[in-house]
Every structure is written in structure tokens, then in C-alpha cells.
Amino acid sequence: MTGTLEPAPEPWKPPWPEDRVPPAAGESGRPGPLILMIVLFTGPVVWAVHLVGSAALDPAACSRGATWAINALTVVCAVAIAAAMIPAARLLREHRPTGPRPDRVIALIAGVGLLWSAISLLVTVLEGIPVLAINACPV
């Protein structure tokens, strides 16, 4: 049919309230790239440091009877991962769609970082438990 106009499509409705439009990239209110990298990568990187560090400390700890060094490494790594979860939770709370500064991208990055850090914390603690419970040093 020529000459007929189709009705205009419905306008897109944002998922946040009208008075809470997220700021554009680069404006105040959004975290910088350093904070986002800390939130995203601290958990997996610290877990990898714990994995490699505990494997490197194992021969020395067994030869000198100092398994406390591996336990100390586990505690330090767990505290570092838990400390990185604090800004991730804060960013997620502030930037969720119903939060004071809604921004779905920042909320997604914070959520992924919080999940990665939680998994890294769990794996780090689970790697440290056998050192406490079992004497793995050969006699």
C-alpha cells in the first residue's frame, strides 16, 4: 500500500526512574579505571599469588618445620581479597538501577568483581585448610 504511514513505534523506556538518569561516561559519580581494575582483578590475582606462593614455600616450610609461613600467606591473601570485596559491594549498591546513582555498566562490573572475589576467597581458604589439618611433609 503506497501512501500510508505506519504509526510511530513506542518510545524506549529506561529501566530507571525519570529523576535518576545515569551520568554520562567521564562525569563525576562514576569510578575511575583504577578502582574498576581493583574490583575486577584483585581476587583472581591474589588467589594466583597464593597458589604459586604456597607451592614455593612448601619445600622450605617442610625442611625447617615452618608451615606457619603458608598459614600466614593464606591469612594475608584472604584479607586482601576480602578488602577488595568492600569497594565492589559499595559500587554495586550505589550503581544498581534502584540505587542513588544508577549505572548498569558499573553495577555489572561490580557484580562480576564481587562474584570473582567471593570465588577466589573460597578457593584460597580451601587451599589453606589442608596445611592446618594434615602434615604433608615427608618424614
C-alpha atoms as a PDB file:
ATOM      1  CA  MET A   1       0.000   0.000   0.000  1.00  0.00           C
ATOM      2  CA  THR A   2       1.528   3.194  -1.083  1.00  0.00           C
ATOM      3  CA  GLY A   3       0.879   6.475   0.597  1.00  0.00           C
ATOM      4  CA  THR A   4       0.049   5.140   4.074  1.00  0.00           C
ATOM      5  CA  LEU A   5       2.141   5.853   7.122  1.00  0.00           C
ATOM      6  CA  GLU A   6       2.774   3.342   9.826  1.00  0.00           C
ATOM      7  CA  PRO A   7       2.320   4.528  13.404  1.00  0.00           C
ATOM      8  CA  ALA A   8       5.466   5.575  15.213  1.00  0.00           C
ATOM      9  CA  PRO A   9       6.991   2.885  17.418  1.00  0.00           C
ATOM     10  CA  GLU A  10       6.664   3.179  21.167  1.00  0.00           C
ATOM     11  CA  PRO A  11       9.489   5.246  22.655  1.00  0.00           C
ATOM     12  CA  TRP A  12      12.119   3.337  24.586  1.00  0.00           C
ATOM     13  CA  LYS A  13      11.577   3.476  28.329  1.00  0.00           C
ATOM     14  CA  PRO A  14      14.706   3.349  30.517  1.00  0.00           C
ATOM     15  CA  PRO A  15      14.679   0.868  33.420  1.00  0.00           C
ATOM     16  CA  TRP A  16      15.480   3.585  35.993  1.00  0.00           C
ATOM     17  CA  PRO A  17      13.133   6.255  37.373  1.00  0.00           C
ATOM     18  CA  GLU A  18      12.785   9.524  35.468  1.00  0.00           C
ATOM     19  CA  ASP A  19      14.614  11.564  38.118  1.00  0.00           C
ATOM     20  CA  ARG A  20      17.575   9.163  38.285  1.00  0.00           C
ATOM     21  CA  VAL A  21      19.209   9.243  34.876  1.00  0.00           C
ATOM     22  CA  PRO A  22      22.749   7.781  34.980  1.00  0.00           C
ATOM     23  CA  PRO A  23      25.610  10.187  34.317  1.00  0.00           C
ATOM     24  CA  ALA A  24      27.473  10.055  31.054  1.00  0.00           C
ATOM     25  CA  ALA A  25      30.888   8.402  30.949  1.00  0.00           C
ATOM     26  CA  GLY A  26      33.597  10.600  32.401  1.00  0.00           C
ATOM     27  CA  GLU A  27      31.286  12.703  34.554  1.00  0.00           C
ATOM     28  CA  SER A  28      31.544  12.779  38.329  1.00  0.00           C
ATOM     29  CA  GLY A  29      29.922   9.909  40.129  1.00  0.00           C
ATOM     30  CA  ARG A  30      31.486   7.134  38.088  1.00  0.00           C
ATOM     31  CA  PRO A  31      34.526   5.347  39.485  1.00  0.00           C
ATOM     32  CA  GLY A  32      37.851   5.614  37.727  1.00  0.00           C
ATOM     33  CA  PRO A  33      39.517   2.785  35.830  1.00  0.00           C
ATOM     34  CA  LEU A  34      41.889   2.004  38.718  1.00  0.00           C
ATOM     35  CA  ILE A  35      39.015   1.270  41.111  1.00  0.00           C
ATOM     36  CA  LEU A  36      37.300  -0.874  38.484  1.00  0.00           C
ATOM     37  CA  MET A  37      40.504  -2.850  37.849  1.00  0.00           C
ATOM     38  CA  ILE A  38      40.962  -3.371  41.591  1.00  0.00           C
ATOM     39  CA  VAL A  39      37.377  -4.590  41.905  1.00  0.00           C
ATOM     40  CA  LEU A  40      37.669  -6.931  38.917  1.00  0.00           C
ATOM     41  CA  PHE A  41      41.164  -8.367  39.191  1.00  0.00           C
ATOM     42  CA  THR A  42      42.247  -8.374  42.854  1.00  0.00           C
ATOM     43  CA  GLY A  43      40.503 -11.639  43.730  1.00  0.00           C
ATOM     44  CA  PRO A  44      41.891 -13.807  40.908  1.00  0.00           C
ATOM     45  CA  VAL A  45      45.364 -12.237  41.043  1.00  0.00           C
ATOM     46  CA  VAL A  46      45.702 -12.665  44.818  1.00  0.00           C
ATOM     47  CA  TRP A  47      44.436 -16.243  44.540  1.00  0.00           C
ATOM     48  CA  ALA A  48      47.110 -16.941  41.894  1.00  0.00           C
ATOM     49  CA  VAL A  49      49.744 -15.383  44.167  1.00  0.00           C
ATOM     50  CA  HIS A  50      48.560 -17.663  46.978  1.00  0.00           C
ATOM     51  CA  LEU A  51      48.661 -20.736  44.743  1.00  0.00           C
ATOM     52  CA  VAL A  52      52.173 -20.057  43.473  1.00  0.00           C
ATOM     53  CA  GLY A  53      53.433 -18.751  46.804  1.00  0.00           C
ATOM     54  CA  SER A  54      52.225 -21.724  48.815  1.00  0.00           C
ATOM     55  CA  ALA A  55      53.793 -24.107  46.297  1.00  0.00           C
ATOM     56  CA  ALA A  56      57.068 -22.178  46.500  1.00  0.00           C
ATOM     57  CA  LEU A  57      57.026 -22.095  50.315  1.00  0.00           C
ATOM     58  CA  ASP A  58      56.235 -25.796  50.682  1.00  0.00           C
ATOM     59  CA  PRO A  59      59.792 -27.182  50.403  1.00  0.00           C
ATOM     60  CA  ALA A  60      61.217 -24.543  52.736  1.00  0.00           C
ATOM     61  CA  ALA A  61      58.382 -24.964  55.221  1.00  0.00           C
ATOM     62  CA  CYS A  62      58.866 -28.732  55.305  1.00  0.00           C
ATOM     63  CA  SER A  63      62.644 -28.600  55.660  1.00  0.00           C
ATOM     64  CA  ARG A  64      62.522 -26.093  58.507  1.00  0.00           C
ATOM     65  CA  GLY A  65      59.204 -27.138  60.065  1.00  0.00           C
ATOM     66  CA  ALA A  66      57.713 -23.715  59.410  1.00  0.00           C
ATOM     67  CA  THR A  67      54.276 -24.439  57.984  1.00  0.00           C
ATOM     68  CA  TRP A  68      53.183 -21.268  59.755  1.00  0.00           C
ATOM     69  CA  ALA A  69      54.547 -19.351  56.755  1.00  0.00           C
ATOM     70  CA  ILE A  70      51.983 -20.973  54.449  1.00  0.00           C
ATOM     71  CA  ASN A  71      49.255 -20.302  57.012  1.00  0.00           C
ATOM     72  CA  ALA A  72      50.334 -16.649  57.234  1.00  0.00           C
ATOM     73  CA  LEU A  73      50.280 -16.394  53.442  1.00  0.00           C
ATOM     74  CA  THR A  74      46.743 -17.796  53.413  1.00  0.00           C
ATOM     75  CA  VAL A  75      45.563 -15.256  56.004  1.00  0.00           C
ATOM     76  CA  VAL A  76      47.207 -12.310  54.209  1.00  0.00           C
ATOM     77  CA  CYS A  77      45.739 -13.342  50.850  1.00  0.00           C
ATOM     78  CA  ALA A  78      42.266 -13.911  52.322  1.00  0.00           C
ATOM     79  CA  VAL A  79      42.315 -10.485  53.974  1.00  0.00           C
ATOM     80  CA  ALA A  80      43.445  -8.845  50.710  1.00  0.00           C
ATOM     81  CA  ILE A  81      40.623 -10.493  48.762  1.00  0.00           C
ATOM     82  CA  ALA A  82      38.049  -9.579  51.408  1.00  0.00           C
ATOM     83  CA  ALA A  83      39.301  -5.991  51.352  1.00  0.00           C
ATOM     84  CA  ALA A  84      38.750  -5.856  47.577  1.00  0.00           C
ATOM     85  CA  MET A  85      35.179  -7.049  48.062  1.00  0.00           C
ATOM     86  CA  ILE A  86      34.307  -3.918  50.063  1.00  0.00           C
ATOM     87  CA  PRO A  87      34.530  -1.414  47.172  1.00  0.00           C
ATOM     88  CA  ALA A  88      32.824  -3.932  44.876  1.00  0.00           C
ATOM     89  CA  ALA A  89      29.842  -4.175  47.234  1.00  0.00           C
ATOM     90  CA  ARG A  90      29.767  -0.384  47.627  1.00  0.00           C
ATOM     91  CA  LEU A  91      29.792   0.154  43.847  1.00  0.00           C
ATOM     92  CA  LEU A  92      27.092  -2.460  43.351  1.00  0.00           C
ATOM     93  CA  ARG A  93      24.890  -0.847  45.988  1.00  0.00           C
ATOM     94  CA  GLU A  94      25.353   2.676  44.611  1.00  0.00           C
ATOM     95  CA  HIS A  95      25.018   1.919  40.904  1.00  0.00           C
ATOM     96  CA  ARG A  96      22.214  -0.661  40.767  1.00  0.00           C
ATOM     97  CA  PRO A  97      19.092   0.540  38.888  1.00  0.00           C
ATOM     98  CA  THR A  98      17.284   1.477  42.121  1.00  0.00           C
ATOM     99  CA  GLY A  99      20.379   2.938  43.799  1.00  0.00           C
ATOM    100  CA  PRO A 100      21.289   6.584  44.315  1.00  0.00           C
ATOM    101  CA  ARG A 101      23.423   6.734  41.109  1.00  0.00           C
ATOM    102  CA  PRO A 102      22.099   4.092  38.690  1.00  0.00           C
ATOM    103  CA  ASP A 103      24.547   2.868  36.075  1.00  0.00           C
ATOM    104  CA  ARG A 104      24.088  -0.649  34.719  1.00  0.00           C
ATOM    105  CA  VAL A 105      27.611  -0.991  33.333  1.00  0.00           C
ATOM    106  CA  ILE A 106      29.281  -0.115  36.647  1.00  0.00           C
ATOM    107  CA  ALA A 107      26.823  -2.349  38.505  1.00  0.00           C
ATOM    108  CA  LEU A 108      27.668  -5.246  36.171  1.00  0.00           C
ATOM    109  CA  ILE A 109      31.421  -4.745  36.615  1.00  0.00           C
ATOM    110  CA  ALA A 110      30.999  -4.530  40.387  1.00  0.00           C
ATOM    111  CA  GLY A 111      28.808  -7.648  40.450  1.00  0.00           C
ATOM    112  CA  VAL A 112      31.264  -9.669  38.383  1.00  0.00           C
ATOM    113  CA  GLY A 113      34.160  -8.448  40.539  1.00  0.00           C
ATOM    114  CA  LEU A 114      32.277  -9.348  43.717  1.00  0.00           C
ATOM    115  CA  LEU A 115      31.498 -12.820  42.371  1.00  0.00           C
ATOM    116  CA  TRP A 116      35.099 -13.435  41.243  1.00  0.00           C
ATOM    117  CA  SER A 117      36.416 -12.235  44.584  1.00  0.00           C
ATOM    118  CA  ALA A 118      33.995 -14.454  46.504  1.00  0.00           C
ATOM    119  CA  ILE A 119      35.059 -17.492  44.471  1.00  0.00           C
ATOM    120  CA  SER A 120      38.744 -16.555  44.878  1.00  0.00           C
ATOM    121  CA  LEU A 121      38.303 -16.158  48.635  1.00  0.00           C
ATOM    122  CA  LEU A 122      36.621 -19.548  48.883  1.00  0.00           C
ATOM    123  CA  VAL A 123      39.343 -21.264  46.843  1.00  0.00           C
ATOM    124  CA  THR A 124      42.132 -19.528  48.790  1.00  0.00           C
ATOM    125  CA  VAL A 125      40.695 -20.628  52.130  1.00  0.00           C
ATOM    126  CA  LEU A 126      40.074 -24.164  50.838  1.00  0.00           C
ATOM    127  CA  GLU A 127      43.701 -24.350  49.662  1.00  0.00           C
ATOM    128  CA  GLY A 128      44.913 -23.304  53.102  1.00  0.00           C
ATOM    129  CA  ILE A 129      42.822 -25.755  55.162  1.00  0.00           C
ATOM    130  CA  PRO A 130      44.876 -28.906  54.376  1.00  0.00           C
ATOM    131  CA  VAL A 131      48.036 -27.231  55.699  1.00  0.00           C
ATOM    132  CA  LEU A 132      46.298 -26.789  59.046  1.00  0.00           C
ATOM    133  CA  ALA A 133      44.824 -30.280  59.180  1.00  0.00           C
ATOM    134  CA  ILE A 134      47.400 -32.541  57.502  1.00  0.00           C
ATOM    135  CA  ASN A 135      51.158 -32.791  57.858  1.00  0.00           C
ATOM    136  CA  ALA A 136      52.084 -33.165  54.195  1.00  0.00           C
ATOM    137  CA  CYS A 137      55.829 -33.057  54.779  1.00  0.00           C
ATOM    138  CA  PRO A 138      57.642 -36.318  54.023  1.00  0.00           C
ATOM    139  CA  VAL A 139      59.411 -37.809  57.010  1.00  0.00           C
END
